[in-house]
Amino acid sequence: MTTPTGRRIARPRLGDPALDQAVLDLVDAAAIEHDRDLVIEMVASVLKLGRGGNNRGDMKLASTALRELRTSFASFNPYRDSRKCSVFGSARTRPDEPAYVAANLMGAALAKRDWMVITGGGPGIMTAAIEGAGPDASFGVTIRLPFESAGNGLLPPERLVPFRYFFTRKLTFMKESSAYVAFPGGFGTLDETFELLTLLQTGKEYPCPVVLFDPAGTRYWDAWRQTVETQLLPAGLISAEDLDLVLITSDIDEAVDRICAFYEVFHSMRYVDGQLVLRLVSDISDTQLARLNQDFADLLASGRIERGAATSAEIDDHDEVARPRLFLDFDHRHHAGCTSSFARSSSWADHAGD
């Protein structure tokens, strides 16, 4: 059964009609109307966990993860309309090293373009980026570690989001960011970078700009790319287009320009009934739409890229309803190609208004 807007009516389905009704009554008593179906589903899931014979360790994990996500959502929600760039890098980088200086300048350059930065909130590269951007344009997504302090003293409590688990912390980085800059770092930096690339490659993260920054006089990411090109690519473990997911540079202006240009025309996307819907900052001309169909034909499973109005699902969610839209039947084998195409999206508007 569904509502008039097409949403299904949630039922707890706990196997006990009286308990099902108690859940519905609880949600009524809490006066929850927005996304009521999902709240009912979550309450039912928690009760099923409690009745499922799980050990206390499992229950603590589930409880902590849910609490951490709730805290994260509350911290970031007031800044939902501000673009944010996550900055990864080593906690061991010293202030006198080129990487520290570059991260500081990167944070300042992003803030100057009205971007906020998200870091791990610790020392090294994380502190440098926050110092550059300033506390008003920064978040610290901290983690409890035995050998590293949580927080660097630069941010007020409302800009620090503490985590116990790496998986909820990394989920927050990926959920809240519209771009990424990775400086040289250790296992943690590589873990964050490889997870990001995996999510982009598989379509679990929406296309976004990724910059791998080599400070002057270093070849950290250049050496990384050589390893990928000589070991993974020839063995067929990745595709050539996967290398287009990243920009490796030592130029701060080039890095920030790549990040900002990505969103000059492209705004956001979502899938509706199997169709990829691209929401645009501004409309494009008929000439440019024809060029997109020609240049990006390999991204299509069938048909053409076409204009369209906001879908009923988007209207129901109040999801960027007023923006111009493009619709396409996307070939899911080409997520990396989709990212590289969006990186050139500033050219989509070359003939806007024709």
Protein backbone atom coordinates (compact mmCIF):
# COMPACT_ATOMS: atom_id res chain seq x y z
CA MET A 1 0.00 0.00 0.00
CA THR A 2 1.23 3.49 -0.81
CA THR A 3 0.35 7.08 0.05
CA PRO A 4 -1.12 9.48 -2.56
CA THR A 5 2.43 10.71 -3.25
CA GLY A 6 3.62 7.21 -4.02
CA ARG A 7 5.39 6.42 -0.75
CA ARG A 8 4.65 3.06 0.76
CA ILE A 9 2.90 2.96 4.13
CA ALA A 10 5.39 1.48 6.59
CA ARG A 11 4.41 -1.41 8.81
CA PRO A 12 6.70 -2.60 11.62
CA ARG A 13 6.09 -6.28 10.75
CA LEU A 14 7.33 -7.54 14.10
CA GLY A 15 5.12 -10.63 13.99
CA ASP A 16 2.90 -9.32 16.78
CA PRO A 17 -0.03 -7.04 15.83
CA ALA A 18 -0.13 -5.50 19.31
CA LEU A 19 3.58 -4.68 19.17
CA ASP A 20 3.22 -3.32 15.64
CA GLN A 21 0.48 -1.00 16.87
CA ALA A 22 2.61 0.06 19.84
CA VAL A 23 5.35 1.18 17.43
CA LEU A 24 2.84 3.16 15.37
CA ASP A 25 1.42 4.72 18.54
CA LEU A 26 4.93 5.65 19.70
CA VAL A 27 5.68 7.41 16.42
CA ASP A 28 2.32 9.19 16.67
CA ALA A 29 3.10 10.28 20.23
CA ALA A 30 6.44 11.70 19.06
CA ALA A 31 4.54 13.75 16.44
CA ILE A 32 6.83 12.52 13.67
CA GLU A 33 5.46 13.34 10.24
CA HIS A 34 8.50 13.85 8.02
CA ASP A 35 9.86 10.52 6.71
CA ARG A 36 7.54 8.71 9.08
CA ASP A 37 7.91 5.49 7.11
CA LEU A 38 11.67 5.42 7.69
CA VAL A 39 11.33 6.18 11.40
CA ILE A 40 8.92 3.26 11.78
CA GLU A 41 11.35 1.04 9.90
CA MET A 42 14.27 2.07 12.13
CA VAL A 43 12.31 1.53 15.35
CA ALA A 44 11.28 -1.90 14.11
CA SER A 45 14.88 -2.75 13.21
CA VAL A 46 16.08 -1.79 16.71
CA LEU A 47 13.41 -3.98 18.29
CA LYS A 48 14.34 -6.86 16.01
CA LEU A 49 17.97 -6.44 17.07
CA GLY A 50 16.90 -6.56 20.70
CA ARG A 51 14.86 -9.71 20.15
CA GLY A 52 17.41 -11.36 17.88
CA GLY A 53 19.69 -12.94 20.45
CA ASN A 54 22.65 -10.72 19.57
CA ASN A 55 25.46 -10.42 22.09
CA ARG A 56 26.13 -7.19 23.96
CA GLY A 57 29.12 -6.34 21.78
CA ASP A 58 26.95 -6.43 18.66
CA MET A 59 24.31 -4.30 20.34
CA LYS A 60 26.87 -1.72 21.48
CA LEU A 61 28.26 -1.51 17.95
CA ALA A 62 24.82 -0.89 16.45
CA SER A 63 23.89 1.62 19.16
CA THR A 64 27.14 3.57 18.86
CA ALA A 65 27.01 3.65 15.07
CA LEU A 66 23.45 4.99 15.07
CA ARG A 67 24.30 7.58 17.72
CA GLU A 68 27.40 8.74 15.80
CA LEU A 69 25.43 9.16 12.59
CA ARG A 70 22.69 11.07 14.40
CA THR A 71 25.28 13.44 15.90
CA SER A 72 26.97 13.88 12.53
CA PHE A 73 23.71 14.73 10.77
CA ALA A 74 22.86 17.30 13.44
CA SER A 75 26.29 18.95 13.12
CA PHE A 76 26.25 19.25 9.34
CA ASN A 77 22.56 19.96 8.68
CA PRO A 78 22.81 23.75 9.26
CA TYR A 79 25.47 23.90 6.53
CA ARG A 80 23.73 21.69 3.97
CA ASP A 81 23.85 24.36 1.27
CA SER A 82 27.60 25.00 1.63
CA ARG A 83 29.99 23.03 -0.56
CA LYS A 84 32.62 21.18 1.46
CA CYS A 85 35.98 19.68 0.53
CA SER A 86 37.56 16.92 2.60
CA VAL A 87 41.31 17.25 3.05
CA PHE A 88 43.22 14.04 3.81
CA GLY A 89 46.88 13.73 4.79
CA SER A 90 49.38 12.71 7.43
CA ALA A 91 49.01 13.65 11.09
CA ARG A 92 52.82 13.52 11.31
CA THR A 93 53.55 16.34 8.87
CA ARG A 94 55.51 19.12 10.60
CA PRO A 95 54.82 22.86 10.17
CA ASP A 96 58.18 23.37 8.46
CA GLU A 97 57.45 20.83 5.70
CA PRO A 98 56.26 21.85 2.20
CA ALA A 99 53.15 19.66 2.56
CA TYR A 100 52.04 21.57 5.67
CA VAL A 101 52.53 24.93 3.99
CA ALA A 102 50.64 23.72 0.90
CA ALA A 103 47.74 22.36 2.97
CA ASN A 104 47.48 25.70 4.75
CA LEU A 105 47.37 27.55 1.43
CA MET A 106 44.87 25.02 0.05
CA GLY A 107 42.50 25.61 2.96
CA ALA A 108 42.78 29.38 2.50
CA ALA A 109 42.20 29.14 -1.26
CA LEU A 110 39.10 26.98 -0.80
CA ALA A 111 37.63 29.30 1.82
CA LYS A 112 38.24 32.27 -0.48
CA ARG A 113 36.03 30.53 -3.06
CA ASP A 114 33.28 30.04 -0.42
CA TRP A 115 34.05 26.38 0.24
CA MET A 116 34.28 24.79 3.68
CA VAL A 117 36.87 22.16 4.57
CA ILE A 118 36.45 18.91 6.48
CA THR A 119 39.50 17.27 8.06
CA GLY A 120 40.11 14.60 10.64
CA GLY A 121 40.56 17.36 13.21
CA GLY A 122 44.00 16.16 14.27
CA PRO A 123 47.57 17.44 13.85
CA GLY A 124 49.70 17.72 10.72
CA ILE A 125 47.91 18.23 7.42
CA MET A 126 44.57 18.42 9.22
CA THR A 127 45.65 21.34 11.39
CA ALA A 128 47.27 23.08 8.42
CA ALA A 129 44.08 23.01 6.34
CA ILE A 130 41.96 24.30 9.24
CA GLU A 131 44.44 27.10 9.95
CA GLY A 132 44.26 28.11 6.30
CA ALA A 133 40.48 27.99 5.97
CA GLY A 134 39.79 29.40 9.41
CA PRO A 135 37.47 27.98 12.09
CA ASP A 136 34.34 29.51 10.52
CA ALA A 137 34.89 27.47 7.35
CA SER A 138 36.09 24.20 8.90
CA PHE A 139 34.87 20.96 10.45
CA GLY A 140 36.87 18.38 12.39
CA VAL A 141 35.68 14.79 12.08
CA THR A 142 37.71 13.29 14.92
CA ILE A 143 38.49 9.72 15.92
CA ARG A 144 39.48 8.33 19.30
CA LEU A 145 43.01 6.95 19.07
CA PRO A 146 45.44 5.94 21.86
CA PHE A 147 48.37 7.83 20.31
CA GLU A 148 46.71 10.94 18.87
CA SER A 149 44.71 13.71 20.49
CA ALA A 150 41.10 14.14 19.35
CA GLY A 151 40.87 17.72 18.14
CA ASN A 152 43.59 20.31 17.67
CA GLY A 153 42.16 23.16 19.72
CA LEU A 154 41.32 25.27 16.67
CA LEU A 155 37.61 24.53 16.37
CA PRO A 156 34.66 25.18 18.70
CA PRO A 157 32.80 22.11 20.01
CA GLU A 158 29.95 22.51 17.50
CA ARG A 159 32.43 22.08 14.63
CA LEU A 160 33.97 18.90 16.08
CA VAL A 161 32.20 15.63 15.30
CA PRO A 162 33.66 12.79 17.41
CA PHE A 163 33.67 9.15 16.31
CA ARG A 164 34.68 5.85 17.83
CA TYR A 165 34.42 3.86 14.62
CA PHE A 166 36.35 4.48 11.44
CA PHE A 167 33.51 3.23 9.25
CA THR A 168 31.01 5.82 10.49
CA ARG A 169 33.70 8.51 10.28
CA LYS A 170 34.56 7.62 6.69
CA LEU A 171 30.88 7.49 5.80
CA THR A 172 30.58 11.05 7.11
CA PHE A 173 33.51 12.24 5.00
CA MET A 174 31.97 10.73 1.88
CA LYS A 175 28.40 11.84 2.63
CA GLU A 176 29.20 15.46 3.42
CA SER A 177 31.88 16.25 0.83
CA SER A 178 31.56 17.56 -2.70
CA ALA A 179 35.32 17.36 -3.39
CA TYR A 180 38.50 15.84 -1.99
CA VAL A 181 42.16 16.80 -1.74
CA ALA A 182 44.61 14.16 -0.54
CA PHE A 183 48.11 15.10 0.57
CA PRO A 184 50.87 12.54 1.23
CA GLY A 185 50.09 10.35 4.21
CA GLY A 186 50.32 6.90 5.72
CA PHE A 187 47.98 3.94 5.87
CA GLY A 188 45.03 6.08 6.99
CA THR A 189 45.36 8.50 4.08
CA LEU A 190 45.74 5.65 1.60
CA ASP A 191 42.76 3.86 3.14
CA GLU A 192 40.57 6.96 2.79
CA THR A 193 41.76 7.59 -0.76
CA PHE A 194 41.33 4.02 -1.96
CA GLU A 195 37.88 3.74 -0.40
CA LEU A 196 36.88 6.98 -2.12
CA LEU A 197 38.15 5.71 -5.48
CA THR A 198 36.36 2.40 -4.96
CA LEU A 199 33.08 4.20 -4.26
CA LEU A 200 33.49 6.41 -7.32
CA GLN A 201 34.47 3.47 -9.54
CA THR A 202 31.41 1.47 -8.46
CA GLY A 203 28.95 4.35 -8.42
CA LYS A 204 28.44 4.27 -4.65
CA GLU A 205 29.70 7.87 -4.45
CA TYR A 206 28.34 10.54 -6.75
CA PRO A 207 30.86 11.94 -9.26
CA CYS A 208 33.07 14.60 -7.72
CA PRO A 209 36.52 16.14 -8.16
CA VAL A 210 39.44 14.33 -6.50
CA VAL A 211 42.85 16.01 -6.31
CA LEU A 212 45.97 14.13 -5.25
CA PHE A 213 48.37 16.88 -4.24
CA ASP A 214 52.14 16.47 -4.51
CA PRO A 215 53.86 19.30 -2.62
CA ALA A 216 56.81 20.92 -4.38
CA GLY A 217 59.79 18.59 -4.54
CA THR A 218 57.81 15.41 -3.83
CA ARG A 219 56.60 12.57 -6.05
CA TYR A 220 54.34 10.73 -3.61
CA TRP A 221 51.21 10.58 -5.77
CA ASP A 222 53.18 10.45 -8.99
CA ALA A 223 54.88 7.30 -7.71
CA TRP A 224 51.47 5.97 -6.63
CA ARG A 225 50.13 6.48 -10.15
CA GLN A 226 53.14 4.74 -11.68
CA THR A 227 52.48 1.72 -9.47
CA VAL A 228 48.82 1.69 -10.48
CA GLU A 229 49.71 2.03 -14.17
CA THR A 230 52.39 -0.68 -14.13
CA GLN A 231 50.76 -3.20 -11.79
CA LEU A 232 46.97 -2.83 -11.87
CA LEU A 233 46.26 -1.58 -15.38
CA PRO A 234 48.26 -4.18 -17.40
CA ALA A 235 46.74 -6.99 -15.33
CA GLY A 236 43.25 -5.78 -16.18
CA LEU A 237 42.45 -5.10 -12.54
CA ILE A 238 41.25 -1.58 -13.37
CA SER A 239 40.18 0.17 -16.56
CA ALA A 240 42.09 2.98 -18.24
CA GLU A 241 39.22 5.39 -17.57
CA ASP A 242 39.58 4.73 -13.83
CA LEU A 243 42.78 6.78 -13.93
CA ASP A 244 40.65 9.78 -14.92
CA LEU A 245 39.04 9.77 -11.47
CA VAL A 246 41.91 11.87 -10.10
CA LEU A 247 44.00 14.93 -10.88
CA ILE A 248 47.60 14.84 -9.65
CA THR A 249 49.09 18.29 -9.32
CA SER A 250 51.51 20.45 -7.35
CA ASP A 251 49.66 23.66 -8.23
CA ILE A 252 47.16 24.98 -5.68
CA ASP A 253 45.39 27.20 -8.21
CA GLU A 254 44.96 24.27 -10.61
CA ALA A 255 43.57 22.12 -7.80
CA VAL A 256 41.04 24.70 -6.62
CA ASP A 257 40.05 25.62 -10.18
CA ARG A 258 39.35 21.94 -10.93
CA ILE A 259 37.18 21.66 -7.84
CA CYS A 260 35.17 24.82 -8.51
CA ALA A 261 34.81 24.26 -12.27
CA PHE A 262 33.24 20.86 -11.62
CA TYR A 263 30.16 22.63 -10.24
CA GLU A 264 29.92 25.63 -12.57
CA VAL A 265 27.09 23.97 -14.52
CA PHE A 266 26.54 20.57 -12.86
CA HIS A 267 24.83 20.87 -9.48
CA SER A 268 23.75 17.42 -8.30
CA MET A 269 22.21 14.14 -9.40
CA ARG A 270 19.98 11.29 -8.33
CA TYR A 271 18.40 8.21 -9.82
CA VAL A 272 14.63 8.10 -10.33
CA ASP A 273 12.99 4.96 -11.73
CA GLY A 274 16.28 3.84 -13.24
CA GLN A 275 16.95 7.15 -15.00
CA LEU A 276 19.91 9.33 -14.07
CA VAL A 277 18.71 12.87 -13.40
CA LEU A 278 21.31 15.64 -13.62
CA ARG A 279 20.36 18.92 -11.93
CA LEU A 280 22.11 21.96 -13.37
CA VAL A 281 23.14 25.34 -11.96
CA SER A 282 21.93 26.93 -15.20
CA ASP A 283 20.36 25.64 -18.38
CA ILE A 284 22.40 24.80 -21.46
CA SER A 285 21.67 25.60 -25.07
CA ASP A 286 20.25 23.24 -27.69
CA THR A 287 23.63 23.37 -29.41
CA GLN A 288 25.44 22.26 -26.27
CA LEU A 289 22.88 19.53 -25.57
CA ALA A 290 23.52 18.15 -29.04
CA ARG A 291 27.26 18.23 -28.33
CA LEU A 292 26.76 16.36 -25.06
CA ASN A 293 24.87 13.62 -26.89
CA GLN A 294 27.73 13.34 -29.34
CA ASP A 295 30.63 13.53 -26.88
CA PHE A 296 29.14 11.34 -24.15
CA ALA A 297 27.32 8.72 -26.21
CA ASP A 298 29.45 5.99 -24.62
CA LEU A 299 27.90 6.79 -21.22
CA LEU A 300 24.42 5.89 -22.45
CA ALA A 301 22.87 2.44 -22.22
CA SER A 302 20.20 3.57 -24.67
CA GLY A 303 18.47 6.66 -26.02
CA ARG A 304 19.70 10.23 -25.74
CA ILE A 305 20.34 12.89 -23.11
CA GLU A 306 17.14 14.93 -22.89
CA ARG A 307 15.71 17.81 -20.91
CA GLY A 308 12.90 17.20 -18.46
CA ALA A 309 10.95 18.56 -15.52
CA ALA A 310 11.36 17.62 -11.88
CA THR A 311 10.04 14.13 -11.18
CA SER A 312 7.26 13.41 -8.71
CA ALA A 313 9.82 11.81 -6.38
CA GLU A 314 11.92 14.98 -6.40
CA ILE A 315 8.87 17.16 -5.86
CA ASP A 316 7.78 14.99 -2.94
CA ASP A 317 11.27 15.34 -1.42
CA HIS A 318 11.53 19.08 -2.18
CA ASP A 319 14.76 18.13 -3.93
CA GLU A 320 16.13 20.98 -6.09
CA VAL A 321 12.77 21.21 -7.86
CA ALA A 322 13.40 24.56 -9.58
CA ARG A 323 16.65 23.58 -11.29
CA PRO A 324 16.91 22.68 -14.99
CA ARG A 325 17.39 18.97 -15.58
CA LEU A 326 18.86 16.45 -17.97
CA PHE A 327 17.71 12.82 -18.11
CA LEU A 328 19.69 9.86 -19.42
CA ASP A 329 19.72 6.08 -19.35
CA PHE A 330 23.19 5.76 -17.82
CA ASP A 331 25.45 2.78 -18.55
CA HIS A 332 26.61 1.73 -15.08
CA ARG A 333 29.85 0.29 -16.44
CA HIS A 334 31.17 3.82 -16.90
CA HIS A 335 31.09 5.54 -13.52
CA ALA A 336 34.68 6.71 -13.94
CA GLY A 337 33.84 8.12 -17.35
CA CYS A 338 30.90 9.95 -15.81
CA THR A 339 33.23 11.63 -13.32
CA SER A 340 35.69 12.74 -16.00
CA SER A 341 32.78 14.06 -18.10
CA PHE A 342 31.51 16.17 -15.21
CA ALA A 343 35.04 17.49 -14.69
CA ARG A 344 34.59 19.16 -18.08
CA SER A 345 31.08 20.39 -17.30
CA SER A 346 32.10 24.06 -17.29
CA SER A 347 32.31 23.74 -21.08
CA TRP A 348 28.67 22.60 -21.23
CA ALA A 349 27.56 26.21 -20.95
CA ASP A 350 29.84 27.57 -23.67
CA HIS A 351 26.81 28.24 -25.83
CA ALA A 352 24.18 28.81 -23.16
CA GLY A 353 21.50 31.14 -24.45
CA ASP A 354 22.02 30.21 -28.13
